[in-house]
Amino acid sequence: MAQKVVTTYVDDLTGEESEEISTHTVLIDGAGVELDLSSQNYDQLLEALSPYLNAKGARRVRGSVTHGSAARGKRRSTTPAGGQDTAEIRAWAKENGYEVSDRGRVSATVREAYVKAN
């Protein structure tokens, strides 16, 4: 018997189906949620949080998060080997007049500027 498995990726905010959905974890005061979002909606989330994430007194915290459902949806690491959050760098770059694409690699020049500014 042949079997066909179909996986549908749905944006948690809009309910729209897409192949370009990624899962992101958001933690506040130790409690968190996982959101499946399109890159556009993830960028909007970062833009909304940007004043808080970039506040003068804000301190970066790193920690491990256990994902309860590793088999659900496409997974994409938002933190590359360099340790910086690519989406955060993109949001910072756009706010500071740099031209960056919504997908793909962030240039070394933009990454260096981000590191110097933060």
C-alpha atoms as a PDB file:
ATOM      1  CA  MET A   1       0.000   0.000   0.000  1.00  0.00           C
ATOM      2  CA  ALA A   2       1.279   3.479  -0.886  1.00  0.00           C
ATOM      3  CA  GLN A   3       0.959   6.292   1.551  1.00  0.00           C
ATOM      4  CA  LYS A   4       1.159  10.028   0.976  1.00  0.00           C
ATOM      5  CA  VAL A   5       1.765  12.437   3.849  1.00  0.00           C
ATOM      6  CA  VAL A   6       0.943  16.089   3.299  1.00  0.00           C
ATOM      7  CA  THR A   7       2.253  18.720   5.709  1.00  0.00           C
ATOM      8  CA  THR A   8       0.609  22.119   5.706  1.00  0.00           C
ATOM      9  CA  TYR A   9       2.455  25.066   7.213  1.00  0.00           C
ATOM     10  CA  VAL A  10       0.141  27.758   8.616  1.00  0.00           C
ATOM     11  CA  ASP A  11       1.071  31.224   9.884  1.00  0.00           C
ATOM     12  CA  ASP A  12      -0.216  31.463  13.481  1.00  0.00           C
ATOM     13  CA  LEU A  13      -1.036  35.162  13.120  1.00  0.00           C
ATOM     14  CA  THR A  14      -2.889  35.192   9.799  1.00  0.00           C
ATOM     15  CA  GLY A  15      -3.936  31.573   9.388  1.00  0.00           C
ATOM     16  CA  GLU A  16      -2.506  31.637   5.862  1.00  0.00           C
ATOM     17  CA  GLU A  17      -0.805  28.556   4.441  1.00  0.00           C
ATOM     18  CA  SER A  18       2.726  28.914   3.075  1.00  0.00           C
ATOM     19  CA  GLU A  19       5.908  26.941   2.450  1.00  0.00           C
ATOM     20  CA  GLU A  20       7.855  29.865   3.968  1.00  0.00           C
ATOM     21  CA  ILE A  21       6.790  29.391   7.598  1.00  0.00           C
ATOM     22  CA  SER A  22       9.384  29.181  10.384  1.00  0.00           C
ATOM     23  CA  THR A  23       8.961  28.512  14.085  1.00  0.00           C
ATOM     24  CA  HIS A  24      10.178  31.142  16.538  1.00  0.00           C
ATOM     25  CA  THR A  25      10.281  31.030  20.337  1.00  0.00           C
ATOM     26  CA  VAL A  26       9.397  34.134  22.326  1.00  0.00           C
ATOM     27  CA  LEU A  27      10.211  34.218  26.059  1.00  0.00           C
ATOM     28  CA  ILE A  28       9.096  36.860  28.538  1.00  0.00           C
ATOM     29  CA  ASP A  29       9.769  36.455  32.260  1.00  0.00           C
ATOM     30  CA  GLY A  30      10.732  32.825  31.716  1.00  0.00           C
ATOM     31  CA  ALA A  31       7.433  31.885  30.065  1.00  0.00           C
ATOM     32  CA  GLY A  32       7.277  31.431  26.355  1.00  0.00           C
ATOM     33  CA  VAL A  33       5.367  30.557  23.254  1.00  0.00           C
ATOM     34  CA  GLU A  34       6.327  29.087  19.926  1.00  0.00           C
ATOM     35  CA  LEU A  35       4.963  30.911  16.915  1.00  0.00           C
ATOM     36  CA  ASP A  36       4.899  29.662  13.342  1.00  0.00           C
ATOM     37  CA  LEU A  37       5.268  32.837  11.282  1.00  0.00           C
ATOM     38  CA  SER A  38       6.040  33.956   7.755  1.00  0.00           C
ATOM     39  CA  SER A  39       9.204  36.033   7.435  1.00  0.00           C
ATOM     40  CA  GLN A  40       7.038  39.147   6.930  1.00  0.00           C
ATOM     41  CA  ASN A  41       5.097  38.590  10.158  1.00  0.00           C
ATOM     42  CA  TYR A  42       8.295  37.752  12.051  1.00  0.00           C
ATOM     43  CA  ASP A  43       9.806  41.036  10.837  1.00  0.00           C
ATOM     44  CA  GLN A  44       6.660  42.837  12.059  1.00  0.00           C
ATOM     45  CA  LEU A  45       7.023  41.159  15.465  1.00  0.00           C
ATOM     46  CA  LEU A  46      10.651  42.301  15.694  1.00  0.00           C
ATOM     47  CA  GLU A  47       9.666  45.805  14.616  1.00  0.00           C
ATOM     48  CA  ALA A  48       6.987  45.950  17.332  1.00  0.00           C
ATOM     49  CA  LEU A  49       9.467  44.732  19.981  1.00  0.00           C
ATOM     50  CA  SER A  50      12.365  46.835  18.689  1.00  0.00           C
ATOM     51  CA  PRO A  51      11.950  49.774  21.133  1.00  0.00           C
ATOM     52  CA  TYR A  52      12.157  47.328  24.036  1.00  0.00           C
ATOM     53  CA  LEU A  53      14.905  45.131  22.608  1.00  0.00           C
ATOM     54  CA  ASN A  54      17.039  48.182  21.792  1.00  0.00           C
ATOM     55  CA  ALA A  55      16.386  50.107  25.029  1.00  0.00           C
ATOM     56  CA  LYS A  56      19.522  51.630  26.565  1.00  0.00           C
ATOM     57  CA  GLY A  57      19.315  49.471  29.696  1.00  0.00           C
ATOM     58  CA  ALA A  58      18.395  46.238  27.902  1.00  0.00           C
ATOM     59  CA  ARG A  59      20.781  43.349  28.462  1.00  0.00           C
ATOM     60  CA  ARG A  60      21.071  40.337  26.194  1.00  0.00           C
ATOM     61  CA  VAL A  61      20.381  37.007  27.866  1.00  0.00           C
ATOM     62  CA  ARG A  62      21.211  33.644  26.363  1.00  0.00           C
ATOM     63  CA  GLY A  63      19.760  30.366  27.501  1.00  0.00           C
ATOM     64  CA  SER A  64      18.554  27.032  26.263  1.00  0.00           C
ATOM     65  CA  VAL A  65      14.946  26.409  25.395  1.00  0.00           C
ATOM     66  CA  THR A  66      13.417  22.963  25.125  1.00  0.00           C
ATOM     67  CA  HIS A  67      11.077  22.588  22.195  1.00  0.00           C
ATOM     68  CA  GLY A  68       8.132  20.340  23.014  1.00  0.00           C
ATOM     69  CA  SER A  69       7.222  19.318  19.484  1.00  0.00           C
ATOM     70  CA  ALA A  70      10.377  18.969  17.406  1.00  0.00           C
ATOM     71  CA  ALA A  71       8.483  17.116  14.676  1.00  0.00           C
ATOM     72  CA  ARG A  72       6.004  19.954  14.067  1.00  0.00           C
ATOM     73  CA  GLY A  73       6.679  22.303  11.177  1.00  0.00           C
ATOM     74  CA  LYS A  74       9.844  23.458   9.499  1.00  0.00           C
ATOM     75  CA  ARG A  75      12.540  24.519  11.900  1.00  0.00           C
ATOM     76  CA  ARG A  76      14.981  27.279  11.222  1.00  0.00           C
ATOM     77  CA  SER A  77      17.606  28.414  13.623  1.00  0.00           C
ATOM     78  CA  THR A  78      17.441  32.155  14.082  1.00  0.00           C
ATOM     79  CA  THR A  79      20.888  32.226  15.643  1.00  0.00           C
ATOM     80  CA  PRO A  80      23.690  31.386  13.209  1.00  0.00           C
ATOM     81  CA  ALA A  81      27.119  30.107  14.172  1.00  0.00           C
ATOM     82  CA  GLY A  82      28.332  33.657  14.775  1.00  0.00           C
ATOM     83  CA  GLY A  83      25.933  33.926  17.707  1.00  0.00           C
ATOM     84  CA  GLN A  84      23.928  36.866  16.409  1.00  0.00           C
ATOM     85  CA  ASP A  85      20.218  36.725  15.615  1.00  0.00           C
ATOM     86  CA  THR A  86      19.962  37.306  11.852  1.00  0.00           C
ATOM     87  CA  ALA A  87      16.409  38.671  12.034  1.00  0.00           C
ATOM     88  CA  GLU A  88      17.462  41.095  14.765  1.00  0.00           C
ATOM     89  CA  ILE A  89      20.434  42.246  12.681  1.00  0.00           C
ATOM     90  CA  ARG A  90      18.147  42.755   9.656  1.00  0.00           C
ATOM     91  CA  ALA A  91      15.698  44.817  11.717  1.00  0.00           C
ATOM     92  CA  TRP A  92      18.561  46.920  13.141  1.00  0.00           C
ATOM     93  CA  ALA A  93      20.101  47.385   9.683  1.00  0.00           C
ATOM     94  CA  LYS A  94      16.806  48.550   8.147  1.00  0.00           C
ATOM     95  CA  GLU A  95      16.276  51.019  11.009  1.00  0.00           C
ATOM     96  CA  ASN A  96      19.794  52.366  10.483  1.00  0.00           C
ATOM     97  CA  GLY A  97      19.647  52.865   6.723  1.00  0.00           C
ATOM     98  CA  TYR A  98      21.400  49.701   5.521  1.00  0.00           C
ATOM     99  CA  GLU A  99      20.022  47.804   2.550  1.00  0.00           C
ATOM    100  CA  VAL A 100      19.434  44.162   3.467  1.00  0.00           C
ATOM    101  CA  SER A 101      17.385  41.447   1.809  1.00  0.00           C
ATOM    102  CA  ASP A 102      14.570  39.734   3.687  1.00  0.00           C
ATOM    103  CA  ARG A 103      16.215  36.357   3.158  1.00  0.00           C
ATOM    104  CA  GLY A 104      19.657  34.898   2.701  1.00  0.00           C
ATOM    105  CA  ARG A 105      22.974  35.903   4.175  1.00  0.00           C
ATOM    106  CA  VAL A 106      23.547  39.208   5.941  1.00  0.00           C
ATOM    107  CA  SER A 107      26.753  40.828   4.687  1.00  0.00           C
ATOM    108  CA  ALA A 108      29.831  40.956   6.879  1.00  0.00           C
ATOM    109  CA  THR A 109      29.782  44.767   6.654  1.00  0.00           C
ATOM    110  CA  VAL A 110      26.281  44.936   8.149  1.00  0.00           C
ATOM    111  CA  ARG A 111      27.152  42.341  10.821  1.00  0.00           C
ATOM    112  CA  GLU A 112      30.268  44.303  11.821  1.00  0.00           C
ATOM    113  CA  ALA A 113      28.277  47.552  12.035  1.00  0.00           C
ATOM    114  CA  TYR A 114      25.689  45.797  14.178  1.00  0.00           C
ATOM    115  CA  VAL A 115      28.327  44.398  16.543  1.00  0.00           C
ATOM    116  CA  LYS A 116      29.994  47.821  16.899  1.00  0.00           C
ATOM    117  CA  ALA A 117      26.632  49.493  17.634  1.00  0.00           C
ATOM    118  CA  ASN A 118      25.594  46.896  20.191  1.00  0.00           C
END
